[in-house]
Amino acid sequence: MGFITTALPYIQIVLSALLIGAILLQQTSSNAGGALGGSDALGSYHTRRGAEKVLFNSTVILAILFAISALVALFLK
């Protein structure tokens, strides 16, 4: 139990840095109209393929791991 309590903050730092990087690497195709509340229904949906799909899935996994580590830290204190 002692190892987990000392290593958990470092694990959370690494997970948060990876999560921030993965979020910032994702490209967005929204224009000013979509940002201001307008909708561009014809061109807003696209299928993720290749590296974009891998990056999206890894972002979801990193977010889940970060949430689990936060819950573990909450219950250990």
N, C-alpha and C. Protein backbone atom coordinates (compact mmCIF):
# COMPACT_ATOMS: atom_id res chain seq x y z
N MET A 1 0.82 -1.19 0.00
CA MET A 1 0.00 0.00 0.00
C MET A 1 0.87 1.26 0.00
N GLY A 2 2.02 1.19 0.62
CA GLY A 2 2.91 2.34 0.67
C GLY A 2 3.45 2.72 -0.69
N PHE A 3 3.73 1.71 -1.52
CA PHE A 3 4.26 1.99 -2.86
C PHE A 3 3.24 2.73 -3.71
N ILE A 4 1.99 2.33 -3.61
CA ILE A 4 0.95 2.96 -4.42
C ILE A 4 0.74 4.40 -3.99
N THR A 5 0.75 4.67 -2.70
CA THR A 5 0.53 6.03 -2.24
C THR A 5 1.68 6.96 -2.61
N THR A 6 2.89 6.42 -2.74
CA THR A 6 4.00 7.28 -3.15
C THR A 6 4.10 7.40 -4.66
N ALA A 7 3.70 6.38 -5.39
CA ALA A 7 3.82 6.41 -6.86
C ALA A 7 2.62 7.04 -7.54
N LEU A 8 1.47 7.09 -6.88
CA LEU A 8 0.25 7.58 -7.53
C LEU A 8 0.34 9.03 -7.99
N PRO A 9 0.91 9.95 -7.23
CA PRO A 9 1.02 11.32 -7.76
C PRO A 9 1.86 11.40 -9.04
N TYR A 10 2.92 10.63 -9.12
CA TYR A 10 3.75 10.63 -10.33
C TYR A 10 3.01 10.01 -11.51
N ILE A 11 2.23 8.98 -11.25
CA ILE A 11 1.41 8.37 -12.29
C ILE A 11 0.38 9.36 -12.81
N GLN A 12 -0.23 10.13 -11.90
CA GLN A 12 -1.21 11.12 -12.31
C GLN A 12 -0.57 12.26 -13.11
N ILE A 13 0.64 12.66 -12.76
CA ILE A 13 1.33 13.70 -13.51
C ILE A 13 1.61 13.24 -14.93
N VAL A 14 2.10 12.00 -15.07
CA VAL A 14 2.40 11.47 -16.40
C VAL A 14 1.11 11.32 -17.22
N LEU A 15 0.06 10.79 -16.60
CA LEU A 15 -1.21 10.63 -17.31
C LEU A 15 -1.79 11.97 -17.73
N SER A 16 -1.70 12.97 -16.85
CA SER A 16 -2.25 14.28 -17.21
C SER A 16 -1.46 14.93 -18.34
N ALA A 17 -0.14 14.80 -18.33
CA ALA A 17 0.67 15.37 -19.42
C ALA A 17 0.36 14.68 -20.74
N LEU A 18 0.22 13.35 -20.72
CA LEU A 18 -0.12 12.62 -21.94
C LEU A 18 -1.52 12.98 -22.42
N LEU A 19 -2.45 13.15 -21.50
CA LEU A 19 -3.82 13.51 -21.87
C LEU A 19 -3.88 14.90 -22.48
N ILE A 20 -3.17 15.85 -21.90
CA ILE A 20 -3.13 17.19 -22.46
C ILE A 20 -2.52 17.17 -23.86
N GLY A 21 -1.44 16.43 -24.02
CA GLY A 21 -0.81 16.33 -25.34
C GLY A 21 -1.72 15.69 -26.37
N ALA A 22 -2.43 14.64 -25.98
CA ALA A 22 -3.33 13.97 -26.91
C ALA A 22 -4.49 14.87 -27.30
N ILE A 23 -4.99 15.66 -26.37
CA ILE A 23 -6.09 16.56 -26.68
C ILE A 23 -5.62 17.66 -27.61
N LEU A 24 -4.43 18.20 -27.36
CA LEU A 24 -3.93 19.29 -28.19
C LEU A 24 -3.55 18.82 -29.59
N LEU A 25 -3.21 17.56 -29.76
CA LEU A 25 -2.83 17.05 -31.07
C LEU A 25 -4.02 16.80 -31.99
N GLN A 26 -5.20 16.70 -31.42
CA GLN A 26 -6.37 16.43 -32.25
C GLN A 26 -6.71 17.65 -33.06
N GLN A 27 -6.95 17.44 -34.34
CA GLN A 27 -7.28 18.57 -35.21
C GLN A 27 -8.77 18.80 -35.20
N THR A 28 -9.13 20.05 -35.34
CA THR A 28 -10.55 20.39 -35.41
C THR A 28 -10.82 21.03 -36.75
N SER A 29 -11.99 20.78 -37.27
CA SER A 29 -12.37 21.37 -38.55
C SER A 29 -13.54 22.33 -38.37
N SER A 30 -13.70 22.86 -37.16
CA SER A 30 -14.80 23.80 -36.94
C SER A 30 -14.38 25.18 -37.41
N ASN A 31 -15.32 25.87 -37.99
CA ASN A 31 -15.05 27.23 -38.44
C ASN A 31 -15.72 28.20 -37.49
N ALA A 32 -15.65 29.48 -37.80
CA ALA A 32 -16.20 30.51 -36.91
C ALA A 32 -17.71 30.38 -36.76
N GLY A 33 -18.40 29.93 -37.78
CA GLY A 33 -19.85 29.78 -37.69
C GLY A 33 -20.24 28.71 -36.67
N GLY A 34 -19.50 27.62 -36.65
CA GLY A 34 -19.80 26.57 -35.68
C GLY A 34 -19.42 26.97 -34.27
N ALA A 35 -18.39 27.79 -34.13
CA ALA A 35 -17.95 28.22 -32.81
C ALA A 35 -18.92 29.22 -32.21
N LEU A 36 -19.62 29.96 -33.04
CA LEU A 36 -20.53 30.99 -32.54
C LEU A 36 -21.97 30.51 -32.48
N GLY A 37 -22.21 29.24 -32.61
CA GLY A 37 -23.55 28.72 -32.44
C GLY A 37 -24.24 28.32 -33.72
N GLY A 38 -23.68 28.66 -34.86
CA GLY A 38 -24.28 28.26 -36.12
C GLY A 38 -23.99 26.80 -36.39
N SER A 39 -24.77 26.19 -37.23
CA SER A 39 -24.53 24.79 -37.52
C SER A 39 -24.26 24.59 -39.01
N ASP A 40 -23.28 23.80 -39.28
CA ASP A 40 -22.95 23.44 -40.66
C ASP A 40 -23.15 21.94 -40.76
N ALA A 41 -24.40 21.53 -40.91
CA ALA A 41 -24.75 20.12 -40.81
C ALA A 41 -24.18 19.28 -41.95
N LEU A 42 -23.91 19.89 -43.08
CA LEU A 42 -23.45 19.11 -44.21
C LEU A 42 -22.00 18.66 -44.07
N GLY A 43 -21.14 19.50 -43.53
CA GLY A 43 -19.73 19.17 -43.49
C GLY A 43 -19.18 18.91 -42.11
N SER A 44 -20.02 18.75 -41.11
CA SER A 44 -19.51 18.65 -39.74
C SER A 44 -19.18 17.22 -39.32
N TYR A 45 -19.70 16.22 -39.97
CA TYR A 45 -19.45 14.85 -39.56
C TYR A 45 -18.48 14.19 -40.53
N HIS A 46 -17.50 13.51 -39.95
CA HIS A 46 -16.60 12.72 -40.78
C HIS A 46 -16.15 11.49 -39.99
N THR A 47 -15.78 10.47 -40.70
CA THR A 47 -15.32 9.24 -40.07
C THR A 47 -13.84 9.34 -39.77
N ARG A 48 -13.48 8.96 -38.54
CA ARG A 48 -12.07 8.97 -38.18
C ARG A 48 -11.39 7.75 -38.79
N ARG A 49 -10.22 7.99 -39.38
CA ARG A 49 -9.47 6.90 -39.99
C ARG A 49 -8.00 7.04 -39.63
N GLY A 50 -7.32 5.92 -39.60
CA GLY A 50 -5.87 5.92 -39.44
C GLY A 50 -5.40 6.50 -38.12
N ALA A 51 -4.46 7.43 -38.21
CA ALA A 51 -3.83 8.01 -37.02
C ALA A 51 -4.83 8.82 -36.21
N GLU A 52 -5.78 9.44 -36.88
CA GLU A 52 -6.78 10.22 -36.15
C GLU A 52 -7.63 9.33 -35.25
N LYS A 53 -7.96 8.14 -35.73
CA LYS A 53 -8.75 7.20 -34.93
C LYS A 53 -7.93 6.67 -33.75
N VAL A 54 -6.66 6.38 -33.99
CA VAL A 54 -5.78 5.91 -32.92
C VAL A 54 -5.62 6.98 -31.86
N LEU A 55 -5.44 8.23 -32.28
CA LEU A 55 -5.28 9.34 -31.34
C LEU A 55 -6.56 9.55 -30.53
N PHE A 56 -7.71 9.45 -31.18
CA PHE A 56 -8.98 9.61 -30.48
C PHE A 56 -9.18 8.50 -29.45
N ASN A 57 -8.92 7.26 -29.85
CA ASN A 57 -9.08 6.14 -28.92
C ASN A 57 -8.10 6.22 -27.76
N SER A 58 -6.87 6.63 -28.04
CA SER A 58 -5.90 6.75 -26.96
C SER A 58 -6.27 7.88 -26.01
N THR A 59 -6.88 8.94 -26.52
CA THR A 59 -7.34 10.02 -25.65
C THR A 59 -8.44 9.53 -24.71
N VAL A 60 -9.35 8.75 -25.23
CA VAL A 60 -10.42 8.19 -24.39
C VAL A 60 -9.83 7.27 -23.33
N ILE A 61 -8.89 6.42 -23.70
CA ILE A 61 -8.27 5.50 -22.74
C ILE A 61 -7.50 6.26 -21.68
N LEU A 62 -6.74 7.28 -22.09
CA LEU A 62 -6.01 8.10 -21.12
C LEU A 62 -6.94 8.81 -20.15
N ALA A 63 -8.07 9.31 -20.65
CA ALA A 63 -9.03 9.97 -19.78
C ALA A 63 -9.62 9.00 -18.76
N ILE A 64 -9.92 7.79 -19.19
CA ILE A 64 -10.46 6.78 -18.28
C ILE A 64 -9.42 6.40 -17.23
N LEU A 65 -8.17 6.21 -17.65
CA LEU A 65 -7.11 5.88 -16.70
C LEU A 65 -6.87 7.00 -15.70
N PHE A 66 -6.93 8.25 -16.17
CA PHE A 66 -6.75 9.37 -15.26
C PHE A 66 -7.89 9.44 -14.25
N ALA A 67 -9.12 9.21 -14.70
CA ALA A 67 -10.26 9.22 -13.78
C ALA A 67 -10.16 8.10 -12.75
N ILE A 68 -9.72 6.93 -13.19
CA ILE A 68 -9.55 5.81 -12.25
C ILE A 68 -8.47 6.13 -11.23
N SER A 69 -7.36 6.72 -11.68
CA SER A 69 -6.29 7.06 -10.75
C SER A 69 -6.74 8.13 -9.76
N ALA A 70 -7.59 9.06 -10.19
CA ALA A 70 -8.11 10.07 -9.28
C ALA A 70 -9.03 9.45 -8.24
N LEU A 71 -9.84 8.49 -8.67
CA LEU A 71 -10.72 7.80 -7.71
C LEU A 71 -9.92 6.96 -6.72
N VAL A 72 -8.87 6.31 -7.19
CA VAL A 72 -8.01 5.54 -6.29
C VAL A 72 -7.35 6.46 -5.28
N ALA A 73 -6.88 7.61 -5.73
CA ALA A 73 -6.26 8.57 -4.82
C ALA A 73 -7.27 9.10 -3.79
N LEU A 74 -8.52 9.25 -4.22
CA LEU A 74 -9.55 9.72 -3.30
C LEU A 74 -9.83 8.69 -2.21
N PHE A 75 -9.88 7.42 -2.59
CA PHE A 75 -10.20 6.39 -1.62
C PHE A 75 -9.02 6.02 -0.73
N LEU A 76 -7.81 6.31 -1.15
CA LEU A 76 -6.65 6.00 -0.33
C LEU A 76 -6.44 7.03 0.78
N LYS A 77 -7.00 8.22 0.62
CA LYS A 77 -6.80 9.25 1.65
C LYS A 77 -7.84 9.22 2.71
